[in-house]
Amino acid sequence: MRISKICCTFAADFALMSEQTHTIIDLKRLPTGTHRFDIQLDNDFFASVEKSEILSGEVSASAVLNLREEDYQLTITVHGTVFVVCDRCLDPMVIEIDANDGMMECSNDEMIECSNDGMMECSNDGSIDLTWLAYEIVSINIPIVHCHQPGECNKQMELLLHDHLCDEPEPDEIDGC
């Protein structure tokens, strides 16, 4: 099985998971036409993905596959909430996910460009793991910096951080260097 380039970070860990928890579509057995699939990513799913920044969550994904004779078009939308660690206070925080940008087209084994700024390879075995693709869309729609809104961080951690703030200018700043 070839691994798509946007999935390379977590693919080894994900491959260890049971395929029963995935929506794997066999394109060779599916008739041409439009097909819709619903995918649920829940707390158990997020807990099973190792090295993920997502602690837990409830996300619904919808995939529309337009299978044609020579190629296919796949659109995935995801909606829900996930919990990640706040970079400042280290408490869990909620992030709303609402993404309609997971679209790809594929013809045979050629490279295709996804609308979410990644590159993806079509599978050699003629199958697509919709659960993994939905997870990837969720992952790339999480902000790089995870911080609570001002005043919502853990108060004890805020006090500890404030005690360690350095209000004095660095020596380089004094000399004008």
C-alpha atoms as a PDB file:
ATOM      1  CA  MET A   1       0.000   0.000   0.000  1.00  0.00           C
ATOM      2  CA  ARG A   2       1.421   3.390  -0.970  1.00  0.00           C
ATOM      3  CA  ILE A   3       1.163   6.120   1.624  1.00  0.00           C
ATOM      4  CA  SER A   4      -0.017   9.545   0.549  1.00  0.00           C
ATOM      5  CA  LYS A   5       2.461  12.346   1.149  1.00  0.00           C
ATOM      6  CA  ILE A   6       0.155  14.347   3.436  1.00  0.00           C
ATOM      7  CA  CYS A   7      -0.301  11.300   5.628  1.00  0.00           C
ATOM      8  CA  CYS A   8       3.348  10.358   6.089  1.00  0.00           C
ATOM      9  CA  THR A   9       3.646  11.762   9.626  1.00  0.00           C
ATOM     10  CA  PHE A  10       1.179   9.425  11.288  1.00  0.00           C
ATOM     11  CA  ALA A  11       0.819   6.654   8.735  1.00  0.00           C
ATOM     12  CA  ALA A  12       2.974   4.101  10.532  1.00  0.00           C
ATOM     13  CA  ASP A  13       1.008   4.475  13.760  1.00  0.00           C
ATOM     14  CA  PHE A  14      -2.283   4.527  11.924  1.00  0.00           C
ATOM     15  CA  ALA A  15      -1.463   1.343   9.996  1.00  0.00           C
ATOM     16  CA  LEU A  16      -1.382  -0.562  13.291  1.00  0.00           C
ATOM     17  CA  MET A  17      -5.024   0.210  13.969  1.00  0.00           C
ATOM     18  CA  SER A  18      -7.745  -2.300  13.137  1.00  0.00           C
ATOM     19  CA  GLU A  19      -9.303  -1.787   9.714  1.00  0.00           C
ATOM     20  CA  GLN A  20     -12.709  -2.407  11.299  1.00  0.00           C
ATOM     21  CA  THR A  21     -12.653   1.159  12.622  1.00  0.00           C
ATOM     22  CA  HIS A  22     -12.112   2.590   9.123  1.00  0.00           C
ATOM     23  CA  THR A  23     -14.292   3.266   6.155  1.00  0.00           C
ATOM     24  CA  ILE A  24     -12.173   1.731   3.412  1.00  0.00           C
ATOM     25  CA  ILE A  25     -13.729   1.977  -0.034  1.00  0.00           C
ATOM     26  CA  ASP A  26     -12.778  -0.555  -2.707  1.00  0.00           C
ATOM     27  CA  LEU A  27     -13.049   1.453  -5.926  1.00  0.00           C
ATOM     28  CA  LYS A  28     -12.851  -1.674  -8.091  1.00  0.00           C
ATOM     29  CA  ARG A  29     -16.073  -3.101  -6.648  1.00  0.00           C
ATOM     30  CA  LEU A  30     -18.040   0.132  -6.554  1.00  0.00           C
ATOM     31  CA  PRO A  31     -20.296   0.908  -9.544  1.00  0.00           C
ATOM     32  CA  THR A  32     -19.784   4.186 -11.389  1.00  0.00           C
ATOM     33  CA  GLY A  33     -21.894   7.066 -10.140  1.00  0.00           C
ATOM     34  CA  THR A  34     -22.126   9.254  -7.057  1.00  0.00           C
ATOM     35  CA  HIS A  35     -21.805   7.658  -3.617  1.00  0.00           C
ATOM     36  CA  ARG A  36     -22.105   9.250  -0.169  1.00  0.00           C
ATOM     37  CA  PHE A  37     -20.386   7.983   2.979  1.00  0.00           C
ATOM     38  CA  ASP A  38     -20.739   9.212   6.561  1.00  0.00           C
ATOM     39  CA  ILE A  39     -17.794   8.890   8.926  1.00  0.00           C
ATOM     40  CA  GLN A  40     -17.652   9.467  12.681  1.00  0.00           C
ATOM     41  CA  LEU A  41     -14.403  10.273  14.467  1.00  0.00           C
ATOM     42  CA  ASP A  42     -15.008   9.902  18.201  1.00  0.00           C
ATOM     43  CA  ASN A  43     -12.996   9.831  21.418  1.00  0.00           C
ATOM     44  CA  ASP A  44     -12.012   6.174  20.895  1.00  0.00           C
ATOM     45  CA  PHE A  45     -10.714   6.909  17.402  1.00  0.00           C
ATOM     46  CA  PHE A  46      -8.599   9.900  18.503  1.00  0.00           C
ATOM     47  CA  ALA A  47      -7.242   7.922  21.472  1.00  0.00           C
ATOM     48  CA  SER A  48      -6.099   5.146  19.126  1.00  0.00           C
ATOM     49  CA  VAL A  49      -3.982   7.465  16.946  1.00  0.00           C
ATOM     50  CA  GLU A  50      -0.543   7.704  18.524  1.00  0.00           C
ATOM     51  CA  LYS A  51       1.484  10.929  18.481  1.00  0.00           C
ATOM     52  CA  SER A  52      -1.564  13.017  17.660  1.00  0.00           C
ATOM     53  CA  GLU A  53      -2.054  16.486  19.102  1.00  0.00           C
ATOM     54  CA  ILE A  54      -5.787  15.743  19.332  1.00  0.00           C
ATOM     55  CA  LEU A  55      -6.739  14.440  22.769  1.00  0.00           C
ATOM     56  CA  SER A  56     -10.369  13.643  22.003  1.00  0.00           C
ATOM     57  CA  GLY A  57     -13.308  14.904  20.034  1.00  0.00           C
ATOM     58  CA  GLU A  58     -16.530  14.305  18.190  1.00  0.00           C
ATOM     59  CA  VAL A  59     -16.318  14.957  14.455  1.00  0.00           C
ATOM     60  CA  SER A  60     -18.752  14.052  11.707  1.00  0.00           C
ATOM     61  CA  ALA A  61     -17.443  13.764   8.186  1.00  0.00           C
ATOM     62  CA  SER A  62     -19.299  13.418   4.943  1.00  0.00           C
ATOM     63  CA  ALA A  63     -17.635  12.067   1.799  1.00  0.00           C
ATOM     64  CA  VAL A  64     -19.097  12.320  -1.678  1.00  0.00           C
ATOM     65  CA  LEU A  65     -17.392  10.122  -4.250  1.00  0.00           C
ATOM     66  CA  ASN A  66     -18.129  10.670  -7.924  1.00  0.00           C
ATOM     67  CA  LEU A  67     -16.753   7.528  -9.551  1.00  0.00           C
ATOM     68  CA  ARG A  68     -16.377   7.706 -13.317  1.00  0.00           C
ATOM     69  CA  GLU A  69     -15.037   5.195 -15.853  1.00  0.00           C
ATOM     70  CA  GLU A  70     -11.436   6.498 -15.867  1.00  0.00           C
ATOM     71  CA  ASP A  71     -11.169   8.583 -12.703  1.00  0.00           C
ATOM     72  CA  TYR A  72     -12.954   9.808  -9.610  1.00  0.00           C
ATOM     73  CA  GLN A  73     -13.577  12.951  -7.614  1.00  0.00           C
ATOM     74  CA  LEU A  74     -13.810  12.846  -3.831  1.00  0.00           C
ATOM     75  CA  THR A  75     -15.025  15.665  -1.611  1.00  0.00           C
ATOM     76  CA  ILE A  76     -14.867  15.403   2.195  1.00  0.00           C
ATOM     77  CA  THR A  77     -16.386  17.885   4.638  1.00  0.00           C
ATOM     78  CA  VAL A  78     -15.841  17.699   8.403  1.00  0.00           C
ATOM     79  CA  HIS A  79     -17.713  19.358  11.271  1.00  0.00           C
ATOM     80  CA  GLY A  80     -17.295  18.962  15.008  1.00  0.00           C
ATOM     81  CA  THR A  81     -15.089  19.710  17.977  1.00  0.00           C
ATOM     82  CA  VAL A  82     -11.721  18.421  19.108  1.00  0.00           C
ATOM     83  CA  PHE A  83      -9.727  18.904  22.294  1.00  0.00           C
ATOM     84  CA  VAL A  84      -6.046  19.823  22.246  1.00  0.00           C
ATOM     85  CA  VAL A  85      -3.609  21.012  24.918  1.00  0.00           C
ATOM     86  CA  CYS A  86      -3.327  24.780  25.425  1.00  0.00           C
ATOM     87  CA  ASP A  87       0.244  25.870  24.678  1.00  0.00           C
ATOM     88  CA  ARG A  88       0.194  28.360  27.540  1.00  0.00           C
ATOM     89  CA  CYS A  89      -1.496  26.655  30.505  1.00  0.00           C
ATOM     90  CA  LEU A  90      -1.387  22.989  29.367  1.00  0.00           C
ATOM     91  CA  ASP A  91      -5.104  22.469  30.096  1.00  0.00           C
ATOM     92  CA  PRO A  92      -7.338  20.934  27.441  1.00  0.00           C
ATOM     93  CA  MET A  93      -9.137  23.377  25.182  1.00  0.00           C
ATOM     94  CA  VAL A  94     -11.837  22.945  22.575  1.00  0.00           C
ATOM     95  CA  ILE A  95     -11.409  23.799  18.909  1.00  0.00           C
ATOM     96  CA  GLU A  96     -14.340  23.934  16.515  1.00  0.00           C
ATOM     97  CA  ILE A  97     -13.690  22.254  13.176  1.00  0.00           C
ATOM     98  CA  ASP A  98     -15.721  23.233  10.136  1.00  0.00           C
ATOM     99  CA  ALA A  99     -13.924  22.394   6.895  1.00  0.00           C
ATOM    100  CA  ASN A 100     -15.234  21.998   3.385  1.00  0.00           C
ATOM    101  CA  ASP A 101     -11.877  21.903   1.636  1.00  0.00           C
ATOM    102  CA  GLY A 102     -11.012  18.232   1.309  1.00  0.00           C
ATOM    103  CA  MET A 103     -11.285  17.603  -2.423  1.00  0.00           C
ATOM    104  CA  MET A 104      -9.182  15.422  -4.669  1.00  0.00           C
ATOM    105  CA  GLU A 105      -9.355  14.019  -8.172  1.00  0.00           C
ATOM    106  CA  CYS A 106      -7.474  11.003  -9.359  1.00  0.00           C
ATOM    107  CA  SER A 107      -6.883   9.206 -12.625  1.00  0.00           C
ATOM    108  CA  ASN A 108      -5.019   5.881 -12.533  1.00  0.00           C
ATOM    109  CA  ASP A 109      -1.768   6.272 -10.477  1.00  0.00           C
ATOM    110  CA  GLU A 110      -0.844   9.856 -11.326  1.00  0.00           C
ATOM    111  CA  MET A 111      -0.052  12.460  -8.678  1.00  0.00           C
ATOM    112  CA  ILE A 112      -2.884  14.833  -7.950  1.00  0.00           C
ATOM    113  CA  GLU A 113      -3.047  18.082  -6.014  1.00  0.00           C
ATOM    114  CA  CYS A 114      -5.502  18.436  -3.165  1.00  0.00           C
ATOM    115  CA  SER A 115      -7.280  21.704  -2.508  1.00  0.00           C
ATOM    116  CA  ASN A 116      -5.954  21.663   1.079  1.00  0.00           C
ATOM    117  CA  ASP A 117      -2.440  22.507  -0.186  1.00  0.00           C
ATOM    118  CA  GLY A 118      -1.082  18.947  -0.003  1.00  0.00           C
ATOM    119  CA  MET A 119      -0.083  16.350  -2.537  1.00  0.00           C
ATOM    120  CA  MET A 120      -1.631  12.920  -2.514  1.00  0.00           C
ATOM    121  CA  GLU A 121      -0.956   9.696  -4.378  1.00  0.00           C
ATOM    122  CA  CYS A 122      -3.704   7.414  -5.523  1.00  0.00           C
ATOM    123  CA  SER A 123      -3.611   3.963  -4.016  1.00  0.00           C
ATOM    124  CA  ASN A 124      -2.170   1.090  -6.063  1.00  0.00           C
ATOM    125  CA  ASP A 125      -4.721  -1.343  -4.702  1.00  0.00           C
ATOM    126  CA  GLY A 126      -7.732   0.726  -5.800  1.00  0.00           C
ATOM    127  CA  SER A 127      -8.951   1.554  -2.316  1.00  0.00           C
ATOM    128  CA  ILE A 128      -9.388   4.737  -0.287  1.00  0.00           C
ATOM    129  CA  ASP A 129      -9.391   4.995   3.499  1.00  0.00           C
ATOM    130  CA  LEU A 130     -11.986   7.722   4.073  1.00  0.00           C
ATOM    131  CA  THR A 131     -11.515   7.688   7.841  1.00  0.00           C
ATOM    132  CA  TRP A 132      -7.833   8.551   7.550  1.00  0.00           C
ATOM    133  CA  LEU A 133      -8.513  11.289   4.989  1.00  0.00           C
ATOM    134  CA  ALA A 134     -11.154  12.804   7.303  1.00  0.00           C
ATOM    135  CA  TYR A 135      -8.634  12.708  10.173  1.00  0.00           C
ATOM    136  CA  GLU A 136      -6.032  14.470   8.014  1.00  0.00           C
ATOM    137  CA  ILE A 137      -8.507  17.225   7.133  1.00  0.00           C
ATOM    138  CA  VAL A 138      -9.278  17.696  10.826  1.00  0.00           C
ATOM    139  CA  SER A 139      -5.542  17.811  11.630  1.00  0.00           C
ATOM    140  CA  ILE A 140      -4.672  20.441   9.048  1.00  0.00           C
ATOM    141  CA  ASN A 141      -7.558  22.644  10.187  1.00  0.00           C
ATOM    142  CA  ILE A 142      -6.261  22.937  13.753  1.00  0.00           C
ATOM    143  CA  PRO A 143      -4.440  26.233  14.332  1.00  0.00           C
ATOM    144  CA  ILE A 144      -0.680  25.979  14.800  1.00  0.00           C
ATOM    145  CA  VAL A 145      -0.854  27.876  18.110  1.00  0.00           C
ATOM    146  CA  HIS A 146      -3.334  26.504  20.656  1.00  0.00           C
ATOM    147  CA  CYS A 147      -4.152  29.097  23.317  1.00  0.00           C
ATOM    148  CA  HIS A 148      -7.260  29.835  25.290  1.00  0.00           C
ATOM    149  CA  GLN A 149      -8.877  33.215  24.843  1.00  0.00           C
ATOM    150  CA  PRO A 150      -7.452  35.867  27.230  1.00  0.00           C
ATOM    151  CA  GLY A 151      -8.611  35.159  30.765  1.00  0.00           C
ATOM    152  CA  GLU A 152      -9.663  31.543  30.082  1.00  0.00           C
ATOM    153  CA  CYS A 153      -6.347  29.830  30.902  1.00  0.00           C
ATOM    154  CA  ASN A 154      -5.768  27.962  34.145  1.00  0.00           C
ATOM    155  CA  LYS A 155      -5.424  30.692  36.814  1.00  0.00           C
ATOM    156  CA  GLN A 156      -2.681  28.889  38.759  1.00  0.00           C
ATOM    157  CA  MET A 157      -0.582  28.509  35.631  1.00  0.00           C
ATOM    158  CA  GLU A 158      -1.187  32.165  34.683  1.00  0.00           C
ATOM    159  CA  LEU A 159       0.197  33.224  38.096  1.00  0.00           C
ATOM    160  CA  LEU A 160       3.200  30.951  37.710  1.00  0.00           C
ATOM    161  CA  LEU A 161       3.925  32.304  34.231  1.00  0.00           C
ATOM    162  CA  HIS A 162       3.564  35.885  35.449  1.00  0.00           C
ATOM    163  CA  ASP A 163       6.109  35.253  38.235  1.00  0.00           C
ATOM    164  CA  HIS A 164       8.660  34.179  35.617  1.00  0.00           C
ATOM    165  CA  LEU A 165       8.163  37.011  33.156  1.00  0.00           C
ATOM    166  CA  CYS A 166      11.207  39.103  32.478  1.00  0.00           C
ATOM    167  CA  ASP A 167      10.274  42.777  32.123  1.00  0.00           C
ATOM    168  CA  GLU A 168      13.866  43.969  31.832  1.00  0.00           C
ATOM    169  CA  PRO A 169      15.272  44.487  28.315  1.00  0.00           C
ATOM    170  CA  GLU A 170      17.808  41.999  27.049  1.00  0.00           C
ATOM    171  CA  PRO A 171      21.473  43.248  27.139  1.00  0.00           C
ATOM    172  CA  ASP A 172      21.510  43.345  23.308  1.00  0.00           C
ATOM    173  CA  GLU A 173      18.497  45.666  23.322  1.00  0.00           C
ATOM    174  CA  ILE A 174      20.231  48.132  25.675  1.00  0.00           C
ATOM    175  CA  ASP A 175      23.338  48.408  23.469  1.00  0.00           C
ATOM    176  CA  GLY A 176      21.201  48.830  20.354  1.00  0.00           C
ATOM    177  CA  CYS A 177      22.623  45.698  18.734  1.00  0.00           C
END
